[in-house]
Each structure stands twice: as C-alpha cells, then as structure tokens.
Amino acid sequence: MNMVITGSASRVGSKLARRLLDEGHHVTGFDLRGNGIERAAYHEMLGAFHDHATASRGRPAEPPRRANPPVAAWRRPTSEVGSPPD
C-alpha cells in the first residue's frame, strides 16, 4: 500500500515511516528537513506542506532558506492602567 506521512522527520513521523517500510509499504515522507531514511520504497519530499510547487513536482526539493523567524516584541503601553487622566 502507498502511504504519505507529513512531518516525516519528526520523532513520531520517522518511526512510523520505518515501521511502515518494515511492513512492506511504499512511503512518501513530506517535511522541511530530511530524516535519513534510505530505502528503495521510501520517497522524500522536502519543502513546506503548503508549497504547491514541491508537491506537484513529486520529487525532492531544497528546503526553504529563511532568516530567523520574526519575534513579536511586547511594549509597555504609553499610559499605565489605573493612572488618573490628565
């Protein structure tokens, strides 16, 4: 049977992929990074899950290169809660 696993490089995803391969299934893994499985019945697709170009190619692609993700900064409000109005 053919199986698709999203998040195949995670701890659970990679163990599931290996188990399915051991049981004789053909597995396609989809994740942002590789998981090191090298078997004839395993096909790995690297890219974001919503990346239509990667999914439609049906073959591995380079993972997206990006800078550090943006961090939300918290700033103190200009007027304190409970302070008297001017």
C-alpha atoms as a PDB file:
ATOM      1  CA  MET A   1       0.000   0.000   0.000  1.00  0.00           C
ATOM      2  CA  ASN A   2       1.204   3.575  -0.673  1.00  0.00           C
ATOM      3  CA  MET A   3       1.399   5.864   2.361  1.00  0.00           C
ATOM      4  CA  VAL A   4       2.068   9.592   2.752  1.00  0.00           C
ATOM      5  CA  ILE A   5       3.425  10.957   6.024  1.00  0.00           C
ATOM      6  CA  THR A   6       3.533  14.675   6.709  1.00  0.00           C
ATOM      7  CA  GLY A   7       6.089  15.622   9.340  1.00  0.00           C
ATOM      8  CA  SER A   8       8.190  12.592   8.412  1.00  0.00           C
ATOM      9  CA  ALA A   9      11.345  13.991  10.026  1.00  0.00           C
ATOM     10  CA  SER A  10       9.756  14.246  13.477  1.00  0.00           C
ATOM     11  CA  ARG A  11      10.299  11.584  16.094  1.00  0.00           C
ATOM     12  CA  VAL A  12       6.850  10.056  15.577  1.00  0.00           C
ATOM     13  CA  GLY A  13       6.832  10.527  11.791  1.00  0.00           C
ATOM     14  CA  SER A  14      10.218   8.894  11.230  1.00  0.00           C
ATOM     15  CA  LYS A  15       9.366   5.919  13.469  1.00  0.00           C
ATOM     16  CA  LEU A  16       6.053   5.492  11.663  1.00  0.00           C
ATOM     17  CA  ALA A  17       7.790   5.639   8.275  1.00  0.00           C
ATOM     18  CA  ARG A  18      10.325   2.997   9.311  1.00  0.00           C
ATOM     19  CA  ARG A  19       7.617   0.729  10.675  1.00  0.00           C
ATOM     20  CA  LEU A  20       5.506   1.015   7.527  1.00  0.00           C
ATOM     21  CA  LEU A  21       8.575   0.289   5.397  1.00  0.00           C
ATOM     22  CA  ASP A  22       9.357  -2.772   7.529  1.00  0.00           C
ATOM     23  CA  GLU A  23       5.790  -3.976   6.889  1.00  0.00           C
ATOM     24  CA  GLY A  24       6.350  -3.694   3.123  1.00  0.00           C
ATOM     25  CA  HIS A  25       4.530  -0.438   2.340  1.00  0.00           C
ATOM     26  CA  HIS A  26       5.725   2.277  -0.052  1.00  0.00           C
ATOM     27  CA  VAL A  27       6.112   5.533   1.885  1.00  0.00           C
ATOM     28  CA  THR A  28       6.374   9.160   0.791  1.00  0.00           C
ATOM     29  CA  GLY A  29       7.623  11.470   3.534  1.00  0.00           C
ATOM     30  CA  PHE A  30       6.952  15.211   3.427  1.00  0.00           C
ATOM     31  CA  ASP A  31       8.843  17.598   5.721  1.00  0.00           C
ATOM     32  CA  LEU A  32      11.097  20.668   5.830  1.00  0.00           C
ATOM     33  CA  ARG A  33      14.171  18.537   6.559  1.00  0.00           C
ATOM     34  CA  GLY A  34      15.355  15.068   5.767  1.00  0.00           C
ATOM     35  CA  ASN A  35      15.142  12.138   8.167  1.00  0.00           C
ATOM     36  CA  GLY A  36      17.967   9.943   6.861  1.00  0.00           C
ATOM     37  CA  ILE A  37      15.865   7.014   5.647  1.00  0.00           C
ATOM     38  CA  GLU A  38      17.465   5.486   2.556  1.00  0.00           C
ATOM     39  CA  ARG A  39      15.336   2.633   1.271  1.00  0.00           C
ATOM     40  CA  ALA A  40      14.051   1.806  -2.191  1.00  0.00           C
ATOM     41  CA  ALA A  41      10.403   2.028  -1.090  1.00  0.00           C
ATOM     42  CA  TYR A  42      10.877   5.463   0.535  1.00  0.00           C
ATOM     43  CA  HIS A  43      10.482   8.746  -1.335  1.00  0.00           C
ATOM     44  CA  GLU A  44      11.254  12.002   0.468  1.00  0.00           C
ATOM     45  CA  MET A  45       9.840  15.395  -0.460  1.00  0.00           C
ATOM     46  CA  LEU A  46      11.483  18.378   1.194  1.00  0.00           C
ATOM     47  CA  GLY A  47       9.538  21.616   1.405  1.00  0.00           C
ATOM     48  CA  ALA A  48       6.729  23.366   3.190  1.00  0.00           C
ATOM     49  CA  PHE A  49       3.462  21.446   3.275  1.00  0.00           C
ATOM     50  CA  HIS A  50       1.625  24.315   1.582  1.00  0.00           C
ATOM     51  CA  ASP A  51       4.314  24.585  -1.147  1.00  0.00           C
ATOM     52  CA  HIS A  52       2.322  23.628  -4.244  1.00  0.00           C
ATOM     53  CA  ALA A  53       5.426  23.601  -6.456  1.00  0.00           C
ATOM     54  CA  THR A  54       7.128  20.955  -4.305  1.00  0.00           C
ATOM     55  CA  ALA A  55       4.021  18.806  -4.073  1.00  0.00           C
ATOM     56  CA  SER A  56       3.279  18.988  -7.799  1.00  0.00           C
ATOM     57  CA  ARG A  57       6.862  18.105  -8.805  1.00  0.00           C
ATOM     58  CA  GLY A  58       6.703  14.860  -6.888  1.00  0.00           C
ATOM     59  CA  ARG A  59      10.419  14.893  -6.217  1.00  0.00           C
ATOM     60  CA  PRO A  60      12.684  16.279  -3.504  1.00  0.00           C
ATOM     61  CA  ALA A  61      13.371  19.994  -3.379  1.00  0.00           C
ATOM     62  CA  GLU A  62      15.710  22.162  -1.387  1.00  0.00           C
ATOM     63  CA  PRO A  63      14.179  23.223   1.920  1.00  0.00           C
ATOM     64  CA  PRO A  64      13.333  26.915   2.029  1.00  0.00           C
ATOM     65  CA  ARG A  65      16.144  29.095   3.301  1.00  0.00           C
ATOM     66  CA  ARG A  66      14.960  31.755   5.664  1.00  0.00           C
ATOM     67  CA  ALA A  67      16.395  34.085   8.219  1.00  0.00           C
ATOM     68  CA  ASN A  68      15.464  33.771  11.853  1.00  0.00           C
ATOM     69  CA  PRO A  69      11.685  33.866  12.234  1.00  0.00           C
ATOM     70  CA  PRO A  70      10.261  37.215  13.296  1.00  0.00           C
ATOM     71  CA  VAL A  71       9.846  37.684  17.013  1.00  0.00           C
ATOM     72  CA  ALA A  72       6.886  39.567  18.394  1.00  0.00           C
ATOM     73  CA  ALA A  73       8.016  42.300  20.748  1.00  0.00           C
ATOM     74  CA  TRP A  74       5.940  43.395  23.707  1.00  0.00           C
ATOM     75  CA  ARG A  75       5.947  47.080  24.558  1.00  0.00           C
ATOM     76  CA  ARG A  76       4.612  48.685  27.685  1.00  0.00           C
ATOM     77  CA  PRO A  77       1.509  50.795  26.999  1.00  0.00           C
ATOM     78  CA  THR A  78       2.120  54.543  26.998  1.00  0.00           C
ATOM     79  CA  SER A  79      -0.395  55.080  29.796  1.00  0.00           C
ATOM     80  CA  GLU A  80      -0.444  52.787  32.802  1.00  0.00           C
ATOM     81  CA  VAL A  81      -3.676  51.107  33.758  1.00  0.00           C
ATOM     82  CA  GLY A  82      -5.334  52.907  36.639  1.00  0.00           C
ATOM     83  CA  SER A  83      -3.424  56.168  36.238  1.00  0.00           C
ATOM     84  CA  PRO A  84      -5.569  59.312  36.514  1.00  0.00           C
ATOM     85  CA  PRO A  85      -6.439  61.054  33.231  1.00  0.00           C
ATOM     86  CA  ASP A  86      -4.822  64.419  32.524  1.00  0.00           C
END
